[in-house]
């Protein structure tokens, strides 16, 4: 959970990855509860063994995502051409 507009709170989420071998191609998308892709964090980036990307709660058009749950969808294509997917969720919070 992160809260982009709350001072002193975590203002972004880190999307970490770690692979056995370098040279994987990575795409990370954020999907809302309706199944719509609201943001592509990275698309077809060739990455090393480990690293991270961040999401600050913004939409593709620059607007702010609403409070709620979102799915992080990672598509990994190995250097051998194998495709795999990792899904996780993240929540955007706010102060009350």
PDB file of N, CA and C in Angstrom:
ATOM      1  N   UNK A   1       0.847  -1.188   0.000  1.00  0.00           N
ATOM      2  CA  UNK A   1       0.000   0.000   0.000  1.00  0.00           C
ATOM      3  C   UNK A   1       0.882   1.238   0.000  1.00  0.00           C
ATOM      4  N   UNK A   2       0.494   2.187  -0.806  1.00  0.00           N
ATOM      5  CA  UNK A   2       1.183   3.472  -0.779  1.00  0.00           C
ATOM      6  C   UNK A   2       0.153   4.579  -0.939  1.00  0.00           C
ATOM      7  N   UNK A   3       0.518   5.783  -0.527  1.00  0.00           N
ATOM      8  CA  UNK A   3      -0.398   6.923  -0.557  1.00  0.00           C
ATOM      9  C   UNK A   3       0.326   8.111  -1.180  1.00  0.00           C
ATOM     10  N   UNK A   4       0.134   8.341  -2.467  1.00  0.00           N
ATOM     11  CA  UNK A   4       0.887   9.370  -3.174  1.00  0.00           C
ATOM     12  C   UNK A   4       0.757  10.783  -2.618  1.00  0.00           C
ATOM     13  N   UNK A   5      -0.375  11.123  -2.023  1.00  0.00           N
ATOM     14  CA  UNK A   5      -0.613  12.500  -1.587  1.00  0.00           C
ATOM     15  C   UNK A   5      -0.499  12.723  -0.079  1.00  0.00           C
ATOM     16  N   UNK A   6      -0.016  11.725   0.649  1.00  0.00           N
ATOM     17  CA  UNK A   6       0.048  11.854   2.106  1.00  0.00           C
ATOM     18  C   UNK A   6       1.489  12.113   2.532  1.00  0.00           C
ATOM     19  N   UNK A   7       1.755  13.285   3.111  1.00  0.00           N
ATOM     20  CA  UNK A   7       3.108  13.576   3.580  1.00  0.00           C
ATOM     21  C   UNK A   7       3.561  12.569   4.639  1.00  0.00           C
ATOM     22  N   UNK A   8       4.777  12.117   4.518  1.00  0.00           N
ATOM     23  CA  UNK A   8       5.323  11.174   5.482  1.00  0.00           C
ATOM     24  C   UNK A   8       5.010   9.725   5.174  1.00  0.00           C
ATOM     25  N   UNK A   9       4.122   9.479   4.236  1.00  0.00           N
ATOM     26  CA  UNK A   9       3.786   8.103   3.838  1.00  0.00           C
ATOM     27  C   UNK A   9       4.619   7.726   2.616  1.00  0.00           C
ATOM     28  N   UNK A  10       4.613   6.461   2.289  1.00  0.00           N
ATOM     29  CA  UNK A  10       5.274   6.004   1.079  1.00  0.00           C
ATOM     30  C   UNK A  10       4.504   6.552  -0.120  1.00  0.00           C
ATOM     31  N   UNK A  11       5.176   7.338  -0.968  1.00  0.00           N
ATOM     32  CA  UNK A  11       4.515   8.009  -2.083  1.00  0.00           C
ATOM     33  C   UNK A  11       4.572   7.238  -3.399  1.00  0.00           C
ATOM     34  N   UNK A  12       5.162   6.061  -3.381  1.00  0.00           N
ATOM     35  CA  UNK A  12       5.255   5.234  -4.578  1.00  0.00           C
ATOM     36  C   UNK A  12       5.461   3.789  -4.155  1.00  0.00           C
ATOM     37  N   UNK A  13       5.321   2.885  -5.108  1.00  0.00           N
ATOM     38  CA  UNK A  13       5.605   1.486  -4.835  1.00  0.00           C
ATOM     39  C   UNK A  13       6.769   1.044  -5.708  1.00  0.00           C
ATOM     40  N   UNK A  14       7.579   0.162  -5.179  1.00  0.00           N
ATOM     41  CA  UNK A  14       8.709  -0.376  -5.938  1.00  0.00           C
ATOM     42  C   UNK A  14       8.315  -1.727  -6.514  1.00  0.00           C
ATOM     43  N   UNK A  15       8.582  -1.909  -7.788  1.00  0.00           N
ATOM     44  CA  UNK A  15       8.297  -3.143  -8.500  1.00  0.00           C
ATOM     45  C   UNK A  15       9.633  -3.824  -8.760  1.00  0.00           C
ATOM     46  N   UNK A  16       9.994  -4.719  -7.853  1.00  0.00           N
ATOM     47  CA  UNK A  16      11.296  -5.377  -7.900  1.00  0.00           C
ATOM     48  C   UNK A  16      11.261  -6.620  -8.768  1.00  0.00           C
ATOM     49  N   UNK A  17      12.393  -6.918  -9.393  1.00  0.00           N
ATOM     50  CA  UNK A  17      12.533  -8.166 -10.134  1.00  0.00           C
ATOM     51  C   UNK A  17      13.911  -8.757  -9.863  1.00  0.00           C
ATOM     52  N   UNK A  18      13.979 -10.081  -9.964  1.00  0.00           N
ATOM     53  CA  UNK A  18      15.238 -10.795  -9.778  1.00  0.00           C
ATOM     54  C   UNK A  18      15.166 -12.087 -10.593  1.00  0.00           C
ATOM     55  N   UNK A  19      16.130 -12.261 -11.484  1.00  0.00           N
ATOM     56  CA  UNK A  19      16.170 -13.415 -12.365  1.00  0.00           C
ATOM     57  C   UNK A  19      17.477 -14.173 -12.181  1.00  0.00           C
ATOM     58  N   UNK A  20      17.470 -15.445 -12.572  1.00  0.00           N
ATOM     59  CA  UNK A  20      18.692 -16.249 -12.513  1.00  0.00           C
ATOM     60  C   UNK A  20      19.704 -15.822 -13.569  1.00  0.00           C
ATOM     61  N   UNK A  21      19.192 -15.393 -14.727  1.00  0.00           N
ATOM     62  CA  UNK A  21      20.065 -15.023 -15.843  1.00  0.00           C
ATOM     63  C   UNK A  21      19.698 -13.636 -16.355  1.00  0.00           C
ATOM     64  N   UNK A  22      20.683 -12.869 -16.856  1.00  0.00           N
ATOM     65  CA  UNK A  22      20.373 -11.568 -17.450  1.00  0.00           C
ATOM     66  C   UNK A  22      19.813 -11.752 -18.854  1.00  0.00           C
ATOM     67  N   UNK A  23      19.342 -10.664 -19.441  1.00  0.00           N
ATOM     68  CA  UNK A  23      18.889 -10.700 -20.824  1.00  0.00           C
ATOM     69  C   UNK A  23      17.421 -10.979 -21.016  1.00  0.00           C
ATOM     70  N   UNK A  24      16.634 -10.938 -19.952  1.00  0.00           N
ATOM     71  CA  UNK A  24      15.192 -11.112 -20.067  1.00  0.00           C
ATOM     72  C   UNK A  24      14.563  -9.815 -20.589  1.00  0.00           C
ATOM     73  N   UNK A  25      13.445  -9.957 -21.279  1.00  0.00           N
ATOM     74  CA  UNK A  25      12.682  -8.804 -21.743  1.00  0.00           C
ATOM     75  C   UNK A  25      11.476  -8.666 -20.818  1.00  0.00           C
ATOM     76  N   UNK A  26      11.279  -7.470 -20.289  1.00  0.00           N
ATOM     77  CA  UNK A  26      10.274  -7.247 -19.258  1.00  0.00           C
ATOM     78  C   UNK A  26       9.275  -6.175 -19.684  1.00  0.00           C
ATOM     79  N   UNK A  27       7.990  -6.470 -19.464  1.00  0.00           N
ATOM     80  CA  UNK A  27       6.914  -5.500 -19.634  1.00  0.00           C
ATOM     81  C   UNK A  27       6.120  -5.489 -18.335  1.00  0.00           C
ATOM     82  N   UNK A  28       5.853  -4.299 -17.805  1.00  0.00           N
ATOM     83  CA  UNK A  28       5.072  -4.162 -16.574  1.00  0.00           C
ATOM     84  C   UNK A  28       3.910  -3.222 -16.843  1.00  0.00           C
ATOM     85  N   UNK A  29       2.694  -3.716 -16.548  1.00  0.00           N
ATOM     86  CA  UNK A  29       1.484  -2.919 -16.734  1.00  0.00           C
ATOM     87  C   UNK A  29       0.689  -2.880 -15.440  1.00  0.00           C
ATOM     88  N   UNK A  30      -0.038  -1.790 -15.241  1.00  0.00           N
ATOM     89  CA  UNK A  30      -0.926  -1.638 -14.095  1.00  0.00           C
ATOM     90  C   UNK A  30      -2.362  -1.740 -14.622  1.00  0.00           C
ATOM     91  N   UNK A  31      -3.164  -2.596 -13.975  1.00  0.00           N
ATOM     92  CA  UNK A  31      -4.524  -2.882 -14.419  1.00  0.00           C
ATOM     93  C   UNK A  31      -5.496  -2.531 -13.295  1.00  0.00           C
ATOM     94  N   UNK A  32      -6.598  -1.862 -13.636  1.00  0.00           N
ATOM     95  CA  UNK A  32      -7.583  -1.509 -12.612  1.00  0.00           C
ATOM     96  C   UNK A  32      -8.566  -2.650 -12.374  1.00  0.00           C
ATOM     97  N   UNK A  33      -9.518  -2.442 -11.475  1.00  0.00           N
ATOM     98  CA  UNK A  33     -10.467  -3.492 -11.091  1.00  0.00           C
ATOM     99  C   UNK A  33     -11.390  -3.889 -12.242  1.00  0.00           C
ATOM    100  N   UNK A  34     -11.548  -3.037 -13.234  1.00  0.00           N
ATOM    101  CA  UNK A  34     -12.374  -3.353 -14.400  1.00  0.00           C
ATOM    102  C   UNK A  34     -11.612  -4.124 -15.469  1.00  0.00           C
ATOM    103  N   UNK A  35     -10.309  -4.307 -15.245  1.00  0.00           N
ATOM    104  CA  UNK A  35      -9.487  -5.022 -16.220  1.00  0.00           C
ATOM    105  C   UNK A  35      -8.847  -4.140 -17.272  1.00  0.00           C
ATOM    106  N   UNK A  36      -8.960  -2.826 -17.107  1.00  0.00           N
ATOM    107  CA  UNK A  36      -8.367  -1.885 -18.056  1.00  0.00           C
ATOM    108  C   UNK A  36      -6.913  -1.607 -17.695  1.00  0.00           C
ATOM    109  N   UNK A  37      -6.052  -1.565 -18.689  1.00  0.00           N
ATOM    110  CA  UNK A  37      -4.659  -1.181 -18.465  1.00  0.00           C
ATOM    111  C   UNK A  37      -4.637   0.333 -18.318  1.00  0.00           C
ATOM    112  N   UNK A  38      -4.222   0.793 -17.140  1.00  0.00           N
ATOM    113  CA  UNK A  38      -4.233   2.230 -16.883  1.00  0.00           C
ATOM    114  C   UNK A  38      -2.851   2.862 -17.015  1.00  0.00           C
ATOM    115  N   UNK A  39      -1.823   2.017 -17.000  1.00  0.00           N
ATOM    116  CA  UNK A  39      -0.455   2.540 -17.095  1.00  0.00           C
ATOM    117  C   UNK A  39       0.479   1.425 -17.517  1.00  0.00           C
ATOM    118  N   UNK A  40       1.367   1.711 -18.437  1.00  0.00           N
ATOM    119  CA  UNK A  40       2.458   0.805 -18.775  1.00  0.00           C
ATOM    120  C   UNK A  40       3.716   1.409 -18.173  1.00  0.00           C
ATOM    121  N   UNK A  41       4.311   0.688 -17.244  1.00  0.00           N
ATOM    122  CA  UNK A  41       5.501   1.188 -16.557  1.00  0.00           C
ATOM    123  C   UNK A  41       6.725   1.046 -17.445  1.00  0.00           C
ATOM    124  N   UNK A  42       6.847  -0.112 -18.069  1.00  0.00           N
ATOM    125  CA  UNK A  42       7.963  -0.373 -18.983  1.00  0.00           C
ATOM    126  C   UNK A  42       7.476  -1.395 -20.001  1.00  0.00           C
ATOM    127  N   UNK A  43       7.945  -1.261 -21.229  1.00  0.00           N
ATOM    128  CA  UNK A  43       7.519  -2.201 -22.261  1.00  0.00           C
ATOM    129  C   UNK A  43       8.730  -2.693 -23.049  1.00  0.00           C
ATOM    130  N   UNK A  44       8.880  -4.015 -23.058  1.00  0.00           N
ATOM    131  CA  UNK A  44       9.934  -4.690 -23.818  1.00  0.00           C
ATOM    132  C   UNK A  44      11.337  -4.178 -23.493  1.00  0.00           C
ATOM    133  N   UNK A  45      11.601  -3.965 -22.207  1.00  0.00           N
ATOM    134  CA  UNK A  45      12.924  -3.537 -21.767  1.00  0.00           C
ATOM    135  C   UNK A  45      13.788  -4.767 -21.503  1.00  0.00           C
ATOM    136  N   UNK A  46      14.986  -4.758 -22.029  1.00  0.00           N
ATOM    137  CA  UNK A  46      15.925  -5.836 -21.739  1.00  0.00           C
ATOM    138  C   UNK A  46      16.596  -5.477 -20.420  1.00  0.00           C
ATOM    139  N   UNK A  47      16.465  -6.376 -19.442  1.00  0.00           N
ATOM    140  CA  UNK A  47      16.926  -6.077 -18.090  1.00  0.00           C
ATOM    141  C   UNK A  47      18.013  -7.049 -17.646  1.00  0.00           C
ATOM    142  N   UNK A  48      18.724  -6.656 -16.613  1.00  0.00           N
ATOM    143  CA  UNK A  48      19.758  -7.498 -16.025  1.00  0.00           C
ATOM    144  C   UNK A  48      19.159  -8.508 -15.050  1.00  0.00           C
ATOM    145  N   UNK A  49      19.988  -8.991 -14.165  1.00  0.00           N
ATOM    146  CA  UNK A  49      19.526 -10.017 -13.218  1.00  0.00           C
ATOM    147  C   UNK A  49      18.579  -9.489 -12.167  1.00  0.00           C
ATOM    148  N   UNK A  50      18.789  -8.267 -11.736  1.00  0.00           N
ATOM    149  CA  UNK A  50      17.902  -7.710 -10.709  1.00  0.00           C
ATOM    150  C   UNK A  50      17.812  -6.207 -10.857  1.00  0.00           C
ATOM    151  N   UNK A  51      16.716  -5.681 -10.344  1.00  0.00           N
ATOM    152  CA  UNK A  51      16.496  -4.242 -10.406  1.00  0.00           C
ATOM    153  C   UNK A  51      15.087  -3.921  -9.976  1.00  0.00           C
ATOM    154  N   UNK A  52      14.652  -2.715 -10.304  1.00  0.00           N
ATOM    155  CA  UNK A  52      13.310  -2.303  -9.917  1.00  0.00           C
ATOM    156  C   UNK A  52      12.836  -1.167 -10.806  1.00  0.00           C
ATOM    157  N   UNK A  53      11.530  -0.997 -10.827  1.00  0.00           N
ATOM    158  CA  UNK A  53      10.859   0.153 -11.412  1.00  0.00           C
ATOM    159  C   UNK A  53       9.921   0.682 -10.341  1.00  0.00           C
ATOM    160  N   UNK A  54       9.458   1.906 -10.484  1.00  0.00           N
ATOM    161  CA  UNK A  54       8.531   2.473  -9.499  1.00  0.00           C
ATOM    162  C   UNK A  54       7.251   2.912 -10.188  1.00  0.00           C
ATOM    163  N   UNK A  55       6.184   2.941  -9.398  1.00  0.00           N
ATOM    164  CA  UNK A  55       4.909   3.514  -9.848  1.00  0.00           C
ATOM    165  C   UNK A  55       4.439   4.472  -8.766  1.00  0.00           C
ATOM    166  N   UNK A  56       4.134   5.688  -9.171  1.00  0.00           N
ATOM    167  CA  UNK A  56       3.721   6.730  -8.234  1.00  0.00           C
ATOM    168  C   UNK A  56       2.217   6.986  -8.218  1.00  0.00           C
ATOM    169  N   UNK A  57       1.445   6.084  -8.824  1.00  0.00           N
ATOM    170  CA  UNK A  57      -0.003   6.219  -8.805  1.00  0.00           C
ATOM    171  C   UNK A  57      -0.573   7.059  -9.927  1.00  0.00           C
ATOM    172  N   UNK A  58       0.254   7.416 -10.910  1.00  0.00           N
ATOM    173  CA  UNK A  58      -0.264   8.202 -12.018  1.00  0.00           C
ATOM    174  C   UNK A  58      -0.763   7.289 -13.141  1.00  0.00           C
ATOM    175  N   UNK A  59      -1.705   7.818 -13.900  1.00  0.00           N
ATOM    176  CA  UNK A  59      -2.267   7.115 -15.043  1.00  0.00           C
ATOM    177  C   UNK A  59      -1.464   7.440 -16.295  1.00  0.00           C
ATOM    178  N   UNK A  60      -1.758   6.747 -17.378  1.00  0.00           N
ATOM    179  CA  UNK A  60      -1.060   6.984 -18.641  1.00  0.00           C
ATOM    180  C   UNK A  60      -1.254   8.420 -19.136  1.00  0.00           C
ATOM    181  N   UNK A  61      -2.405   9.023 -18.836  1.00  0.00           N
ATOM    182  CA  UNK A  61      -2.683  10.395 -19.286  1.00  0.00           C
ATOM    183  C   UNK A  61      -2.164  11.451 -18.317  1.00  0.00           C
ATOM    184  N   UNK A  62      -1.471  11.030 -17.261  1.00  0.00           N
ATOM    185  CA  UNK A  62      -0.920  11.974 -16.291  1.00  0.00           C
ATOM    186  C   UNK A  62      -1.812  12.235 -15.093  1.00  0.00           C
ATOM    187  N   UNK A  63      -3.045  11.750 -15.135  1.00  0.00           N
ATOM    188  CA  UNK A  63      -3.952  11.920 -14.000  1.00  0.00           C
ATOM    189  C   UNK A  63      -3.572  11.010 -12.847  1.00  0.00           C
ATOM    190  N   UNK A  64      -4.322  11.115 -11.774  1.00  0.00           N
ATOM    191  CA  UNK A  64      -4.055  10.308 -10.580  1.00  0.00           C
ATOM    192  C   UNK A  64      -5.023   9.138 -10.500  1.00  0.00           C
ATOM    193  N   UNK A  65      -4.495   7.972 -10.171  1.00  0.00           N
ATOM    194  CA  UNK A  65      -5.343   6.792  -9.975  1.00  0.00           C
ATOM    195  C   UNK A  65      -6.149   6.968  -8.690  1.00  0.00           C
ATOM    196  N   UNK A  66      -7.331   6.388  -8.677  1.00  0.00           N
ATOM    197  CA  UNK A  66      -8.194   6.456  -7.492  1.00  0.00           C
ATOM    198  C   UNK A  66      -7.695   5.526  -6.394  1.00  0.00           C
ATOM    199  N   UNK A  67      -8.149   5.779  -5.193  1.00  0.00           N
ATOM    200  CA  UNK A  67      -7.867   4.893  -4.071  1.00  0.00           C
ATOM    201  C   UNK A  67      -8.463   3.522  -4.380  1.00  0.00           C
ATOM    202  N   UNK A  68      -7.707   2.470  -4.119  1.00  0.00           N
ATOM    203  CA  UNK A  68      -8.213   1.128  -4.362  1.00  0.00           C
ATOM    204  C   UNK A  68      -7.100   0.160  -4.722  1.00  0.00           C
ATOM    205  N   UNK A  69      -7.518  -1.041  -5.116  1.00  0.00           N
ATOM    206  CA  UNK A  69      -6.579  -2.099  -5.482  1.00  0.00           C
ATOM    207  C   UNK A  69      -6.322  -2.103  -6.980  1.00  0.00           C
ATOM    208  N   UNK A  70      -5.098  -2.443  -7.335  1.00  0.00           N
ATOM    209  CA  UNK A  70      -4.678  -2.541  -8.725  1.00  0.00           C
ATOM    210  C   UNK A  70      -3.829  -3.795  -8.887  1.00  0.00           C
ATOM    211  N   UNK A  71      -3.858  -4.350 -10.100  1.00  0.00           N
ATOM    212  CA  UNK A  71      -3.027  -5.513 -10.391  1.00  0.00           C
ATOM    213  C   UNK A  71      -1.784  -5.043 -11.130  1.00  0.00           C
ATOM    214  N   UNK A  72      -0.652  -5.574 -10.702  1.00  0.00           N
ATOM    215  CA  UNK A  72       0.608  -5.365 -11.405  1.00  0.00           C
ATOM    216  C   UNK A  72       0.834  -6.620 -12.230  1.00  0.00           C
ATOM    217  N   UNK A  73       0.921  -6.462 -13.541  1.00  0.00           N
ATOM    218  CA  UNK A  73       1.107  -7.592 -14.441  1.00  0.00           C
ATOM    219  C   UNK A  73       2.486  -7.477 -15.087  1.00  0.00           C
ATOM    220  N   UNK A  74       3.323  -8.472 -14.812  1.00  0.00           N
ATOM    221  CA  UNK A  74       4.657  -8.520 -15.403  1.00  0.00           C
ATOM    222  C   UNK A  74       4.703  -9.635 -16.436  1.00  0.00           C
ATOM    223  N   UNK A  75       5.150  -9.309 -17.628  1.00  0.00           N
ATOM    224  CA  UNK A  75       5.376 -10.299 -18.672  1.00  0.00           C
ATOM    225  C   UNK A  75       6.879 -10.421 -18.865  1.00  0.00           C
ATOM    226  N   UNK A  76       7.386 -11.626 -18.723  1.00  0.00           N
ATOM    227  CA  UNK A  76       8.813 -11.877 -18.841  1.00  0.00           C
ATOM    228  C   UNK A  76       9.048 -12.801 -20.021  1.00  0.00           C
ATOM    229  N   UNK A  77       9.925 -12.381 -20.920  1.00  0.00           N
ATOM    230  CA  UNK A  77      10.356 -13.234 -22.020  1.00  0.00           C
ATOM    231  C   UNK A  77      11.834 -13.516 -21.783  1.00  0.00           C
ATOM    232  N   UNK A  78      12.145 -14.785 -21.547  1.00  0.00           N
ATOM    233  CA  UNK A  78      13.533 -15.162 -21.266  1.00  0.00           C
ATOM    234  C   UNK A  78      14.370 -15.057 -22.535  1.00  0.00           C
ATOM    235  N   UNK A  79      15.672 -15.102 -22.368  1.00  0.00           N
ATOM    236  CA  UNK A  79      16.565 -15.042 -23.523  1.00  0.00           C
ATOM    237  C   UNK A  79      16.394 -16.264 -24.425  1.00  0.00           C
ATOM    238  N   UNK A  80      15.780 -17.333 -23.893  1.00  0.00           N
ATOM    239  CA  UNK A  80      15.487 -18.535 -24.686  1.00  0.00           C
ATOM    240  C   UNK A  80      14.118 -18.437 -25.367  1.00  0.00           C
ATOM    241  N   UNK A  81      13.358 -17.380 -25.101  1.00  0.00           N
ATOM    242  CA  UNK A  81      12.067 -17.181 -25.732  1.00  0.00           C
ATOM    243  C   UNK A  81      10.872 -17.676 -24.940  1.00  0.00           C
ATOM    244  N   UNK A  82      11.086 -18.170 -23.726  1.00  0.00           N
ATOM    245  CA  UNK A  82       9.978 -18.632 -22.886  1.00  0.00           C
ATOM    246  C   UNK A  82       9.248 -17.427 -22.295  1.00  0.00           C
ATOM    247  N   UNK A  83       7.916 -17.463 -22.364  1.00  0.00           N
ATOM    248  CA  UNK A  83       7.100 -16.365 -21.849  1.00  0.00           C
ATOM    249  C   UNK A  83       6.467 -16.794 -20.531  1.00  0.00           C
ATOM    250  N   UNK A  84       6.551 -15.929 -19.518  1.00  0.00           N
ATOM    251  CA  UNK A  84       5.891 -16.195 -18.244  1.00  0.00           C
ATOM    252  C   UNK A  84       5.292 -14.891 -17.725  1.00  0.00           C
ATOM    253  N   UNK A  85       4.334 -15.053 -16.829  1.00  0.00           N
ATOM    254  CA  UNK A  85       3.631 -13.905 -16.266  1.00  0.00           C
ATOM    255  C   UNK A  85       3.662 -13.976 -14.747  1.00  0.00           C
ATOM    256  N   UNK A  86       3.776 -12.815 -14.132  1.00  0.00           N
ATOM    257  CA  UNK A  86       3.679 -12.688 -12.677  1.00  0.00           C
ATOM    258  C   UNK A  86       2.620 -11.631 -12.406  1.00  0.00           C
ATOM    259  N   UNK A  87       1.682 -11.963 -11.531  1.00  0.00           N
ATOM    260  CA  UNK A  87       0.639 -11.013 -11.131  1.00  0.00           C
ATOM    261  C   UNK A  87       0.759 -10.764  -9.646  1.00  0.00           C
ATOM    262  N   UNK A  88       0.564  -9.533  -9.274  1.00  0.00           N
ATOM    263  CA  UNK A  88       0.555  -9.159  -7.864  1.00  0.00           C
ATOM    264  C   UNK A  88      -0.401  -7.981  -7.733  1.00  0.00           C
ATOM    265  N   UNK A  89      -0.712  -7.616  -6.517  1.00  0.00           N
ATOM    266  CA  UNK A  89      -1.605  -6.479  -6.343  1.00  0.00           C
ATOM    267  C   UNK A  89      -0.929  -5.421  -5.485  1.00  0.00           C
ATOM    268  N   UNK A  90      -1.413  -4.225  -5.678  1.00  0.00           N
ATOM    269  CA  UNK A  90      -0.938  -3.073  -4.930  1.00  0.00           C
ATOM    270  C   UNK A  90      -2.168  -2.231  -4.617  1.00  0.00           C
ATOM    271  N   UNK A  91      -2.111  -1.518  -3.511  1.00  0.00           N
ATOM    272  CA  UNK A  91      -3.240  -0.679  -3.116  1.00  0.00           C
ATOM    273  C   UNK A  91      -2.784   0.764  -2.973  1.00  0.00           C
ATOM    274  N   UNK A  92      -3.625   1.660  -3.446  1.00  0.00           N
ATOM    275  CA  UNK A  92      -3.399   3.075  -3.234  1.00  0.00           C
ATOM    276  C   UNK A  92      -4.320   3.508  -2.100  1.00  0.00           C
ATOM    277  N   UNK A  93      -3.722   4.127  -1.111  1.00  0.00           N
ATOM    278  CA  UNK A  93      -4.475   4.593   0.040  1.00  0.00           C
ATOM    279  C   UNK A  93      -4.529   6.119   0.089  1.00  0.00           C
ATOM    280  N   UNK A  94      -5.196   6.607   1.098  1.00  0.00           N
ATOM    281  CA  UNK A  94      -5.322   8.049   1.308  1.00  0.00           C
ATOM    282  C   UNK A  94      -5.521   8.290   2.788  1.00  0.00           C
ATOM    283  N   UNK A  95      -5.372   9.498   3.206  1.00  0.00           N
ATOM    284  CA  UNK A  95      -5.669   9.794   4.616  1.00  0.00           C
ATOM    285  C   UNK A  95      -7.155  10.033   4.759  1.00  0.00           C
ATOM    286  N   UNK A  96      -7.644   9.803   5.941  1.00  0.00           N
ATOM    287  CA  UNK A  96      -9.074   9.962   6.195  1.00  0.00           C
ATOM    288  C   UNK A  96      -9.360  11.228   6.941  1.00  0.00           C
TER     289      UNK A  96
END
